Each structure stands twice: as structure tokens, then as C-alpha cells.
C-alpha atoms as a PDB file:
ATOM      1  CA  UNK A   1      79.602 118.111  63.527  1.00  0.00           C
ATOM      2  CA  UNK A   2      83.108 118.367  64.952  1.00  0.00           C
ATOM      3  CA  UNK A   3      83.595 121.588  66.928  1.00  0.00           C
ATOM      4  CA  UNK A   4      86.445 120.827  69.334  1.00  0.00           C
ATOM      5  CA  UNK A   5      89.503 118.642  68.836  1.00  0.00           C
ATOM      6  CA  UNK A   6      92.138 117.553  71.335  1.00  0.00           C
ATOM      7  CA  UNK A   7      95.577 116.784  69.936  1.00  0.00           C
ATOM      8  CA  UNK A   8      98.269 115.090  72.028  1.00  0.00           C
ATOM      9  CA  UNK A   9     101.908 115.984  71.379  1.00  0.00           C
ATOM     10  CA  UNK A  10     104.041 113.039  72.497  1.00  0.00           C
ATOM     11  CA  UNK A  11     107.247 115.106  72.441  1.00  0.00           C
ATOM     12  CA  UNK A  12     105.967 117.699  74.921  1.00  0.00           C
ATOM     13  CA  UNK A  13     103.526 115.319  76.659  1.00  0.00           C
ATOM     14  CA  UNK A  14     100.860 118.006  76.364  1.00  0.00           C
ATOM     15  CA  UNK A  15      97.328 117.968  74.998  1.00  0.00           C
ATOM     16  CA  UNK A  16      96.144 120.975  73.025  1.00  0.00           C
ATOM     17  CA  UNK A  17      92.524 121.945  72.410  1.00  0.00           C
ATOM     18  CA  UNK A  18      91.682 123.213  68.934  1.00  0.00           C
ATOM     19  CA  UNK A  19      88.413 125.069  68.316  1.00  0.00           C
ATOM     20  CA  UNK A  20      87.172 124.162  64.852  1.00  0.00           C
ATOM     21  CA  UNK A  21      85.601 126.550  62.345  1.00  0.00           C
ATOM     22  CA  UNK A  22      82.125 125.137  63.061  1.00  0.00           C
ATOM     23  CA  UNK A  23      82.522 126.181  66.709  1.00  0.00           C
ATOM     24  CA  UNK A  24      83.675 129.678  65.785  1.00  0.00           C
ATOM     25  CA  UNK A  25      80.611 130.166  63.566  1.00  0.00           C
ATOM     26  CA  UNK A  26      78.210 129.472  66.451  1.00  0.00           C
ATOM     27  CA  UNK A  27      76.482 132.128  68.534  1.00  0.00           C
ATOM     28  CA  UNK A  28      78.224 132.912  71.823  1.00  0.00           C
ATOM     29  CA  UNK A  29      75.458 131.310  73.867  1.00  0.00           C
ATOM     30  CA  UNK A  30      75.734 128.066  71.872  1.00  0.00           C
ATOM     31  CA  UNK A  31      79.533 128.125  72.226  1.00  0.00           C
ATOM     32  CA  UNK A  32      79.182 128.466  76.000  1.00  0.00           C
ATOM     33  CA  UNK A  33      76.642 125.637  76.150  1.00  0.00           C
ATOM     34  CA  UNK A  34      78.957 123.383  74.115  1.00  0.00           C
ATOM     35  CA  UNK A  35      81.919 124.222  76.366  1.00  0.00           C
ATOM     36  CA  UNK A  36      79.869 123.488  79.487  1.00  0.00           C
ATOM     37  CA  UNK A  37      78.771 120.138  78.034  1.00  0.00           C
ATOM     38  CA  UNK A  38      82.333 119.226  77.019  1.00  0.00           C
ATOM     39  CA  UNK A  39      83.759 120.215  80.409  1.00  0.00           C
ATOM     40  CA  UNK A  40      81.125 118.112  82.189  1.00  0.00           C
ATOM     41  CA  UNK A  41      81.954 115.097  80.001  1.00  0.00           C
ATOM     42  CA  UNK A  42      85.726 115.551  80.447  1.00  0.00           C
ATOM     43  CA  UNK A  43      85.354 115.861  84.222  1.00  0.00           C
ATOM     44  CA  UNK A  44      83.382 112.595  84.275  1.00  0.00           C
ATOM     45  CA  UNK A  45      86.016 110.853  82.136  1.00  0.00           C
ATOM     46  CA  UNK A  46      88.719 112.169  84.483  1.00  0.00           C
ATOM     47  CA  UNK A  47      86.826 110.973  87.566  1.00  0.00           C
ATOM     48  CA  UNK A  48      86.272 107.521  86.068  1.00  0.00           C
ATOM     49  CA  UNK A  49      89.978 107.223  85.242  1.00  0.00           C
ATOM     50  CA  UNK A  50      90.940 108.449  88.720  1.00  0.00           C
ATOM     51  CA  UNK A  51      88.644 105.865  90.313  1.00  0.00           C
ATOM     52  CA  UNK A  52      90.189 103.154  88.133  1.00  0.00           C
ATOM     53  CA  UNK A  53      93.735 104.243  88.997  1.00  0.00           C
ATOM     54  CA  UNK A  54      93.049 104.687  92.724  1.00  0.00           C
ATOM     55  CA  UNK A  55      90.349 102.234  93.841  1.00  0.00           C
ATOM     56  CA  UNK A  56      88.576 103.170  97.055  1.00  0.00           C
ATOM     57  CA  UNK A  57      89.819  99.983  98.712  1.00  0.00           C
ATOM     58  CA  UNK A  58      93.373 101.318  98.430  1.00  0.00           C
ATOM     59  CA  UNK A  59      92.577 104.713  99.975  1.00  0.00           C
ATOM     60  CA  UNK A  60      94.097 105.115 103.443  1.00  0.00           C
ATOM     61  CA  UNK A  61      91.522 105.338 106.206  1.00  0.00           C
ATOM     62  CA  UNK A  62      92.522 108.181 108.551  1.00  0.00           C
ATOM     63  CA  UNK A  63      89.498 107.787 110.848  1.00  0.00           C
ATOM     64  CA  UNK A  64      91.657 106.200 113.568  1.00  0.00           C
ATOM     65  CA  UNK A  65      93.800 109.291 114.032  1.00  0.00           C
ATOM     66  CA  UNK A  66      93.169 111.358 117.166  1.00  0.00           C
ATOM     67  CA  UNK A  67      91.559 114.793 116.722  1.00  0.00           C
END
């Protein structure tokens, strides 16, 4: 069942989240659980993309700087 949709507007370069009718019909506790699950998944996707864009081998090592 689709409950949340993300639509990208190429003119504004913004993504918009749309809560579907199925989501709005859920109990508040189920809505919160779904949001928590979606946020967790999105954070993991973001971290994976960040790691791909900025590999650890390219990160500057500041350990040689004096305290």
C-alpha cells in the first residue's frame, strides 16, 4: 500500500512529500511508526550516497595538526 510519495520538481529543484489517503486513514500510532521507518530508510540512503560521493580515502586527515 502506498502511503507516502516524494515528487521532485525540476524547475524549483525541490522534492515534496505527499501523504496519501491510506496514510491519513491510519491510527496516529501507526502513522508515527511509518514515519519513523521511512526516516530511518531515508537517512540510510542519504548516508550511502554521501559515502559514495565522498569516499573515506579522500577525507583529509587532520591528526597531524598540533593541539
